[in-house]
C-alpha atoms as a PDB file:
ATOM      1  CA  MET A   1     -44.743 -61.857 -99.783  1.00  0.00           C
ATOM      2  CA  LYS A   2     -45.905 -64.282 -97.109  1.00  0.00           C
ATOM      3  CA  HIS A   3     -47.932 -61.517 -95.422  1.00  0.00           C
ATOM      4  CA  VAL A   4     -49.524 -60.610 -98.760  1.00  0.00           C
ATOM      5  CA  LYS A   5     -50.678 -64.216 -99.323  1.00  0.00           C
ATOM      6  CA  THR A   6     -52.083 -64.403 -95.799  1.00  0.00           C
ATOM      7  CA  PHE A   7     -53.963 -61.149 -96.372  1.00  0.00           C
ATOM      8  CA  LEU A   8     -55.430 -62.408 -99.673  1.00  0.00           C
ATOM      9  CA  ILE A   9     -56.555 -65.703 -98.114  1.00  0.00           C
ATOM     10  CA  LEU A  10     -58.198 -63.805 -95.263  1.00  0.00           C
ATOM     11  CA  MET A  11     -59.994 -61.482 -97.701  1.00  0.00           C
ATOM     12  CA  MET A  12     -61.294 -64.468 -99.662  1.00  0.00           C
ATOM     13  CA  THR A  13     -62.554 -66.349 -96.614  1.00  0.00           C
ATOM     14  CA  MET A  14     -64.195 -63.390 -94.872  1.00  0.00           C
ATOM     15  CA  PRO A  15     -67.332 -63.379 -97.106  1.00  0.00           C
ATOM     16  CA  MET A  16     -67.726 -67.134 -96.552  1.00  0.00           C
ATOM     17  CA  MET A  17     -67.402 -66.717 -92.780  1.00  0.00           C
ATOM     18  CA  ALA A  18     -69.943 -63.888 -92.799  1.00  0.00           C
ATOM     19  CA  PHE A  19     -72.319 -66.002 -94.898  1.00  0.00           C
ATOM     20  CA  ALA A  20     -71.930 -68.973 -92.573  1.00  0.00           C
ATOM     21  CA  GLY A  21     -72.729 -66.805 -89.550  1.00  0.00           C
ATOM     22  CA  THR A  22     -75.912 -65.210 -90.973  1.00  0.00           C
ATOM     23  CA  PRO A  23     -79.018 -67.385 -90.507  1.00  0.00           C
ATOM     24  CA  VAL A  24     -82.045 -67.465 -92.804  1.00  0.00           C
ATOM     25  CA  GLU A  25     -85.594 -68.471 -91.867  1.00  0.00           C
ATOM     26  CA  LYS A  26     -86.685 -71.845 -93.290  1.00  0.00           C
ATOM     27  CA  GLN A  27     -89.696 -74.119 -92.834  1.00  0.00           C
ATOM     28  CA  VAL A  28     -88.963 -77.250 -90.785  1.00  0.00           C
ATOM     29  CA  PRO A  29     -90.501 -80.767 -90.912  1.00  0.00           C
ATOM     30  CA  ILE A  30     -93.719 -81.412 -88.937  1.00  0.00           C
ATOM     31  CA  ASP A  31     -94.698 -84.924 -87.860  1.00  0.00           C
ATOM     32  CA  GLU A  32     -97.883 -84.421 -85.790  1.00  0.00           C
ATOM     33  CA  VAL A  33    -100.652 -81.861 -85.280  1.00  0.00           C
ATOM     34  CA  TYR A  34    -102.710 -81.921 -82.071  1.00  0.00           C
ATOM     35  CA  ALA A  35    -106.118 -80.210 -81.904  1.00  0.00           C
ATOM     36  CA  PRO A  36    -107.442 -80.141 -78.314  1.00  0.00           C
ATOM     37  CA  LEU A  37    -111.170 -80.097 -77.594  1.00  0.00           C
ATOM     38  CA  GLY A  38    -112.606 -77.940 -74.822  1.00  0.00           C
ATOM     39  CA  PHE A  39    -112.203 -74.459 -76.325  1.00  0.00           C
ATOM     40  CA  ASP A  40    -115.151 -72.139 -76.779  1.00  0.00           C
ATOM     41  CA  SER A  41    -115.590 -68.807 -78.539  1.00  0.00           C
ATOM     42  CA  ASN A  42    -114.299 -66.840 -75.518  1.00  0.00           C
ATOM     43  CA  ASP A  43    -111.061 -68.828 -75.163  1.00  0.00           C
ATOM     44  CA  ASN A  44    -107.600 -68.240 -76.540  1.00  0.00           C
ATOM     45  CA  SER A  45    -107.632 -71.359 -78.703  1.00  0.00           C
ATOM     46  CA  GLN A  46    -104.434 -73.326 -79.201  1.00  0.00           C
ATOM     47  CA  ILE A  47    -103.091 -75.911 -81.610  1.00  0.00           C
ATOM     48  CA  ILE A  48     -99.937 -77.877 -80.832  1.00  0.00           C
ATOM     49  CA  VAL A  49     -97.489 -79.085 -83.462  1.00  0.00           C
ATOM     50  CA  THR A  50     -94.509 -81.385 -83.075  1.00  0.00           C
ATOM     51  CA  GLY A  51     -91.626 -81.730 -85.463  1.00  0.00           C
ATOM     52  CA  PHE A  52     -87.873 -81.856 -85.602  1.00  0.00           C
ATOM     53  CA  LEU A  53     -84.888 -79.765 -86.538  1.00  0.00           C
ATOM     54  CA  PRO A  54     -82.902 -81.749 -89.147  1.00  0.00           C
ATOM     55  CA  ASN A  55     -79.537 -80.805 -87.588  1.00  0.00           C
ATOM     56  CA  LEU A  56     -77.946 -78.244 -85.289  1.00  0.00           C
ATOM     57  CA  CYS A  57     -77.619 -75.776 -88.153  1.00  0.00           C
ATOM     58  CA  HIS A  58     -81.304 -75.104 -87.305  1.00  0.00           C
ATOM     59  CA  LYS A  59     -82.154 -73.080 -84.191  1.00  0.00           C
ATOM     60  CA  SER A  60     -85.101 -71.432 -82.445  1.00  0.00           C
ATOM     61  CA  PRO A  61     -88.262 -72.944 -83.997  1.00  0.00           C
ATOM     62  CA  LYS A  62     -91.227 -70.566 -84.048  1.00  0.00           C
ATOM     63  CA  THR A  63     -94.802 -70.475 -85.325  1.00  0.00           C
ATOM     64  CA  GLU A  64     -97.075 -67.917 -86.942  1.00  0.00           C
ATOM     65  CA  SER A  65    -100.805 -68.324 -87.588  1.00  0.00           C
ATOM     66  CA  GLU A  66    -103.401 -66.666 -89.783  1.00  0.00           C
ATOM     67  CA  ILE A  67    -107.162 -67.215 -89.952  1.00  0.00           C
ATOM     68  CA  LYS A  68    -108.616 -67.414 -93.462  1.00  0.00           C
ATOM     69  CA  GLY A  69    -112.351 -67.987 -93.197  1.00  0.00           C
ATOM     70  CA  LYS A  70    -112.728 -71.437 -91.640  1.00  0.00           C
ATOM     71  CA  GLU A  71    -109.072 -72.348 -92.133  1.00  0.00           C
ATOM     72  CA  ILE A  72    -106.187 -71.879 -89.715  1.00  0.00           C
ATOM     73  CA  HIS A  73    -102.901 -71.506 -91.575  1.00  0.00           C
ATOM     74  CA  ILE A  74     -99.801 -72.180 -89.471  1.00  0.00           C
ATOM     75  CA  ASN A  75     -96.244 -71.571 -90.585  1.00  0.00           C
ATOM     76  CA  VAL A  76     -93.496 -73.376 -88.645  1.00  0.00           C
ATOM     77  CA  THR A  77     -89.962 -72.141 -89.242  1.00  0.00           C
ATOM     78  CA  ALA A  78     -86.507 -72.087 -87.680  1.00  0.00           C
ATOM     79  CA  LEU A  79     -83.316 -70.137 -88.180  1.00  0.00           C
ATOM     80  CA  LYS A  80     -80.973 -72.076 -90.465  1.00  0.00           C
ATOM     81  CA  TYR A  81     -77.248 -71.417 -90.472  1.00  0.00           C
ATOM     82  CA  HIS A  82     -75.049 -72.274 -93.448  1.00  0.00           C
ATOM     83  CA  PRO A  83     -73.566 -75.827 -93.246  1.00  0.00           C
ATOM     84  CA  THR A  84     -70.063 -74.343 -93.186  1.00  0.00           C
ATOM     85  CA  ASN A  85     -70.843 -73.030 -89.693  1.00  0.00           C
ATOM     86  CA  PRO A  86     -68.569 -75.035 -87.347  1.00  0.00           C
ATOM     87  CA  PHE A  87     -71.364 -75.574 -84.789  1.00  0.00           C
ATOM     88  CA  CYS A  88     -73.710 -77.672 -86.957  1.00  0.00           C
ATOM     89  CA  PRO A  89     -73.264 -81.363 -86.036  1.00  0.00           C
ATOM     90  CA  GLU A  90     -75.697 -83.877 -87.548  1.00  0.00           C
ATOM     91  CA  MET A  91     -78.277 -84.369 -84.810  1.00  0.00           C
ATOM     92  CA  ILE A  92     -82.092 -84.455 -85.076  1.00  0.00           C
ATOM     93  CA  VAL A  93     -83.713 -82.263 -82.409  1.00  0.00           C
ATOM     94  CA  PRO A  94     -87.468 -82.791 -81.687  1.00  0.00           C
ATOM     95  CA  PHE A  95     -89.659 -79.892 -80.576  1.00  0.00           C
ATOM     96  CA  VAL A  96     -93.182 -79.180 -79.307  1.00  0.00           C
ATOM     97  CA  GLN A  97     -94.695 -75.795 -80.197  1.00  0.00           C
ATOM     98  CA  SER A  98     -97.962 -74.286 -78.939  1.00  0.00           C
ATOM     99  CA  VAL A  99     -99.703 -72.067 -81.471  1.00  0.00           C
ATOM    100  CA  ASN A 100    -101.988 -69.379 -80.041  1.00  0.00           C
ATOM    101  CA  VAL A 101    -104.715 -68.749 -82.614  1.00  0.00           C
ATOM    102  CA  GLY A 102    -106.789 -66.405 -80.424  1.00  0.00           C
ATOM    103  CA  LEU A 103    -110.566 -65.999 -80.245  1.00  0.00           C
ATOM    104  CA  LEU A 104    -112.500 -67.948 -82.873  1.00  0.00           C
ATOM    105  CA  ASP A 105    -116.191 -68.060 -83.724  1.00  0.00           C
ATOM    106  CA  LYS A 106    -118.111 -71.281 -83.145  1.00  0.00           C
ATOM    107  CA  GLY A 107    -117.515 -74.039 -85.695  1.00  0.00           C
ATOM    108  CA  ASP A 108    -115.069 -76.436 -87.302  1.00  0.00           C
ATOM    109  CA  TYR A 109    -111.770 -75.097 -88.618  1.00  0.00           C
ATOM    110  CA  LYS A 110    -109.440 -76.850 -91.034  1.00  0.00           C
ATOM    111  CA  ILE A 111    -105.772 -76.800 -90.006  1.00  0.00           C
ATOM    112  CA  VAL A 112    -103.138 -76.154 -92.669  1.00  0.00           C
ATOM    113  CA  VAL A 113     -99.479 -76.391 -91.607  1.00  0.00           C
ATOM    114  CA  ASN A 114     -96.657 -75.197 -93.872  1.00  0.00           C
ATOM    115  CA  GLY A 115     -99.106 -75.111 -96.765  1.00  0.00           C
ATOM    116  CA  LYS A 116    -100.301 -78.705 -96.264  1.00  0.00           C
ATOM    117  CA  SER A 117    -103.127 -80.500 -94.468  1.00  0.00           C
ATOM    118  CA  PRO A 118    -102.162 -84.199 -94.568  1.00  0.00           C
ATOM    119  CA  TYR A 119    -102.920 -84.918 -90.935  1.00  0.00           C
ATOM    120  CA  GLU A 120    -106.216 -86.844 -91.298  1.00  0.00           C
ATOM    121  CA  LYS A 121    -108.348 -86.661 -88.119  1.00  0.00           C
ATOM    122  CA  GLU A 122    -106.211 -84.013 -86.448  1.00  0.00           C
ATOM    123  CA  SER A 123    -106.572 -81.603 -89.381  1.00  0.00           C
ATOM    124  CA  LYS A 124    -109.626 -79.951 -87.782  1.00  0.00           C
ATOM    125  CA  ILE A 125    -110.398 -78.202 -84.518  1.00  0.00           C
ATOM    126  CA  PHE A 126    -113.891 -77.581 -83.129  1.00  0.00           C
ATOM    127  CA  ILE A 127    -114.776 -74.399 -81.231  1.00  0.00           C
ATOM    128  CA  ALA A 128    -117.921 -74.489 -79.075  1.00  0.00           C
ATOM    129  CA  GLU A 129    -120.275 -71.574 -78.469  1.00  0.00           C
ATOM    130  CA  SER A 130    -119.526 -69.765 -75.199  1.00  0.00           C
ATOM    131  CA  SER A 131    -122.401 -69.701 -72.709  1.00  0.00           C
ATOM    132  CA  SER A 132    -121.273 -66.432 -71.045  1.00  0.00           C
ATOM    133  CA  ASN A 133    -119.337 -63.244 -71.727  1.00  0.00           C
ATOM    134  CA  ALA A 134    -116.555 -64.227 -69.316  1.00  0.00           C
ATOM    135  CA  VAL A 135    -113.059 -64.713 -70.732  1.00  0.00           C
ATOM    136  CA  ASP A 136    -113.127 -68.203 -69.262  1.00  0.00           C
ATOM    137  CA  GLU A 137    -116.014 -69.836 -67.446  1.00  0.00           C
ATOM    138  CA  ASN A 138    -113.699 -71.850 -65.179  1.00  0.00           C
ATOM    139  CA  ILE A 139    -110.775 -71.146 -62.873  1.00  0.00           C
ATOM    140  CA  TYR A 140    -107.983 -73.610 -63.549  1.00  0.00           C
ATOM    141  CA  ALA A 141    -105.065 -74.517 -61.309  1.00  0.00           C
ATOM    142  CA  ASN A 142    -101.953 -72.421 -61.914  1.00  0.00           C
ATOM    143  CA  VAL A 143     -99.965 -75.366 -63.296  1.00  0.00           C
ATOM    144  CA  HIS A 144     -96.256 -74.709 -63.905  1.00  0.00           C
ATOM    145  CA  TYR A 145     -95.221 -78.148 -65.136  1.00  0.00           C
ATOM    146  CA  ILE A 146     -96.239 -81.801 -65.127  1.00  0.00           C
ATOM    147  CA  GLU A 147     -94.365 -84.930 -64.093  1.00  0.00           C
ATOM    148  CA  LYS A 148     -95.223 -88.109 -65.958  1.00  0.00           C
ATOM    149  CA  THR A 149     -95.159 -91.745 -64.885  1.00  0.00           C
ATOM    150  CA  GLU A 150     -95.955 -93.405 -68.174  1.00  0.00           C
ATOM    151  CA  GLY A 151     -95.645 -97.006 -67.011  1.00  0.00           C
ATOM    152  CA  ASP A 152     -98.666 -96.760 -64.708  1.00  0.00           C
ATOM    153  CA  HIS A 153    -100.578 -94.029 -66.597  1.00  0.00           C
ATOM    154  CA  LYS A 154    -100.130 -91.389 -63.936  1.00  0.00           C
ATOM    155  CA  MET A 155     -98.995 -87.782 -63.910  1.00  0.00           C
ATOM    156  CA  LYS A 156     -98.497 -85.064 -61.345  1.00  0.00           C
ATOM    157  CA  LEU A 157     -99.642 -81.455 -61.786  1.00  0.00           C
ATOM    158  CA  VAL A 158     -97.246 -79.099 -60.006  1.00  0.00           C
ATOM    159  CA  GLY A 159     -97.535 -75.360 -59.462  1.00  0.00           C
ATOM    160  CA  TYR A 160     -98.535 -72.466 -57.200  1.00  0.00           C
ATOM    161  CA  ASN A 161    -101.984 -70.963 -56.714  1.00  0.00           C
ATOM    162  CA  PRO A 162    -102.160 -67.219 -55.918  1.00  0.00           C
ATOM    163  CA  SER A 163    -104.291 -67.746 -52.793  1.00  0.00           C
ATOM    164  CA  ASP A 164    -105.123 -70.487 -50.316  1.00  0.00           C
ATOM    165  CA  CYS A 165    -108.840 -69.809 -50.833  1.00  0.00           C
ATOM    166  CA  LEU A 166    -108.676 -71.931 -54.010  1.00  0.00           C
ATOM    167  CA  VAL A 167    -108.831 -75.718 -53.826  1.00  0.00           C
ATOM    168  CA  LEU A 168    -109.076 -78.400 -56.489  1.00  0.00           C
ATOM    169  CA  ASP A 169    -112.696 -79.201 -57.334  1.00  0.00           C
ATOM    170  CA  GLU A 170    -112.336 -81.738 -60.144  1.00  0.00           C
ATOM    171  CA  VAL A 171    -110.111 -82.723 -63.046  1.00  0.00           C
ATOM    172  CA  LYS A 172    -112.053 -83.058 -66.283  1.00  0.00           C
ATOM    173  CA  PHE A 173    -110.673 -84.974 -69.267  1.00  0.00           C
ATOM    174  CA  ILE A 174    -111.799 -84.296 -72.846  1.00  0.00           C
ATOM    175  CA  SER A 175    -110.375 -86.393 -75.674  1.00  0.00           C
ATOM    176  CA  ASN A 176    -110.485 -85.503 -79.363  1.00  0.00           C
ATOM    177  CA  LYS A 177    -111.053 -89.199 -80.102  1.00  0.00           C
ATOM    178  CA  ASN A 178    -107.669 -89.418 -81.775  1.00  0.00           C
ATOM    179  CA  ASN A 179    -104.399 -88.223 -80.256  1.00  0.00           C
ATOM    180  CA  THR A 180    -105.078 -85.452 -77.717  1.00  0.00           C
ATOM    181  CA  MET A 181    -106.306 -85.478 -74.129  1.00  0.00           C
ATOM    182  CA  SER A 182    -107.305 -82.090 -72.733  1.00  0.00           C
ATOM    183  CA  VAL A 183    -106.860 -81.918 -68.954  1.00  0.00           C
ATOM    184  CA  LEU A 184    -108.939 -79.286 -67.126  1.00  0.00           C
ATOM    185  CA  PRO A 185    -107.970 -78.961 -63.412  1.00  0.00           C
ATOM    186  CA  LYS A 186    -110.955 -76.927 -62.168  1.00  0.00           C
ATOM    187  CA  MET A 187    -110.644 -74.964 -58.934  1.00  0.00           C
ATOM    188  CA  LYS A 188    -113.268 -73.638 -56.547  1.00  0.00           C
ATOM    189  CA  LYS A 189    -113.292 -70.836 -53.970  1.00  0.00           C
ATOM    190  CA  ILE A 190    -113.865 -72.022 -50.427  1.00  0.00           C
ATOM    191  CA  ARG A 191    -114.337 -68.496 -49.043  1.00  0.00           C
ATOM    192  CA  ASP A 192    -114.923 -64.979 -50.372  1.00  0.00           C
ATOM    193  CA  PHE A 193    -111.824 -63.402 -48.856  1.00  0.00           C
ATOM    194  CA  CYS A 194    -108.839 -64.391 -51.015  1.00  0.00           C
ATOM    195  CA  PRO A 195    -105.627 -62.696 -49.844  1.00  0.00           C
ATOM    196  CA  MET A 196    -102.494 -63.006 -51.949  1.00  0.00           C
ATOM    197  CA  LYS A 197    -100.690 -66.067 -50.612  1.00  0.00           C
ATOM    198  CA  MET A 198     -98.680 -68.222 -52.990  1.00  0.00           C
ATOM    199  CA  THR A 199     -99.738 -71.767 -52.185  1.00  0.00           C
ATOM    200  CA  PRO A 200     -97.818 -74.712 -53.677  1.00  0.00           C
ATOM    201  CA  PHE A 201     -99.699 -77.764 -54.878  1.00  0.00           C
ATOM    202  CA  SER A 202     -98.985 -81.197 -56.294  1.00  0.00           C
ATOM    203  CA  TYR A 203    -101.959 -83.160 -57.633  1.00  0.00           C
ATOM    204  CA  ASP A 204    -101.597 -86.834 -58.555  1.00  0.00           C
ATOM    205  CA  ILE A 205    -103.785 -87.625 -61.561  1.00  0.00           C
ATOM    206  CA  GLU A 206    -104.459 -90.881 -63.414  1.00  0.00           C
ATOM    207  CA  VAL A 207    -104.503 -90.559 -67.199  1.00  0.00           C
ATOM    208  CA  PRO A 208    -107.537 -92.273 -68.760  1.00  0.00           C
ATOM    209  CA  LYS A 209    -106.875 -95.080 -71.240  1.00  0.00           C
ATOM    210  CA  SER A 210    -109.658 -93.988 -73.583  1.00  0.00           C
ATOM    211  CA  LEU A 211    -107.422 -93.300 -76.586  1.00  0.00           C
ATOM    212  CA  ALA A 212    -105.945 -96.200 -78.553  1.00  0.00           C
ATOM    213  CA  ASN A 213    -103.107 -94.116 -79.994  1.00  0.00           C
ATOM    214  CA  PRO A 214     -99.789 -95.182 -78.367  1.00  0.00           C
ATOM    215  CA  LYS A 215     -98.550 -91.569 -78.424  1.00  0.00           C
ATOM    216  CA  ILE A 216    -100.875 -88.819 -77.237  1.00  0.00           C
ATOM    217  CA  LEU A 217    -100.586 -85.183 -76.214  1.00  0.00           C
ATOM    218  CA  LEU A 218    -101.512 -84.146 -72.684  1.00  0.00           C
ATOM    219  CA  HIS A 219    -102.895 -80.610 -73.014  1.00  0.00           C
ATOM    220  CA  VAL A 220    -103.201 -79.197 -69.478  1.00  0.00           C
ATOM    221  CA  ARG A 221    -105.070 -75.893 -69.195  1.00  0.00           C
ATOM    222  CA  SER A 222    -103.640 -73.387 -66.719  1.00  0.00           C
ATOM    223  CA  MET A 223    -104.916 -70.351 -64.811  1.00  0.00           C
ATOM    224  CA  ASP A 224    -103.223 -67.733 -67.009  1.00  0.00           C
ATOM    225  CA  GLY A 225    -105.133 -68.870 -70.120  1.00  0.00           C
ATOM    226  CA  ASN A 226    -102.184 -70.811 -71.511  1.00  0.00           C
ATOM    227  CA  SER A 227    -101.419 -74.515 -71.299  1.00  0.00           C
ATOM    228  CA  ILE A 228     -98.734 -77.049 -70.469  1.00  0.00           C
ATOM    229  CA  ASN A 229     -98.257 -79.573 -73.280  1.00  0.00           C
ATOM    230  CA  SER A 230     -96.354 -82.835 -73.125  1.00  0.00           C
ATOM    231  CA  ILE A 231     -96.168 -85.996 -75.216  1.00  0.00           C
ATOM    232  CA  PHE A 232     -97.301 -89.092 -73.308  1.00  0.00           C
ATOM    233  CA  HIS A 233     -96.384 -92.606 -74.459  1.00  0.00           C
ATOM    234  CA  GLN A 234     -99.143 -94.982 -73.432  1.00  0.00           C
ATOM    235  CA  THR A 235     -98.679 -98.575 -72.375  1.00  0.00           C
ATOM    236  CA  PHE A 236    -101.362-101.198 -72.839  1.00  0.00           C
ATOM    237  CA  GLU A 237    -101.447-104.543 -71.062  1.00  0.00           C
END
């Protein structure tokens, strides 16, 4: 009789266990949208969103985008496990997601995230007209990551260039006048012959204090057409 009861309890709990272990895709809260300037019609344009997972029942945030005329619709979701899952402690987990929206024609685009556009100034992105047919008119440093020193408004760009014939020419900053600073580390060739030679670099850069927002996004363009994105907390004396 005891074995029969154990069997019945197991049969009753198995559907619940299976349900708890099967995730579903759900939209997650978004707190900021960042629209970098500096893209033209030949660039893979990007928008960056930050948000948070409400608890550890949510995993693996991801984004999808769709262009509808002059609107960019972004859907931000995560896998949500049932609360009965034993690995779901109450803990808010922030995230930063880059959204590749691809090649866009010149103009202003409205940004709609999870069906809403309540983000005031950052709800639009401007795409400039490209002046050439090249995929990108500049060669950027092959940045792998950045190190921040927020107290003195400095950062360090760290990575490897594919040849020692490339050296840093200038670092250009473009702000969107609100909450995003695009960082363009432009390289130049110092000779025509460029053999493959992985060359490490570390560039110390001072972050301009041109934005009044205490929390900004540093959007660093990289050689492969992607970017390194990091939240920077500004200090003002």
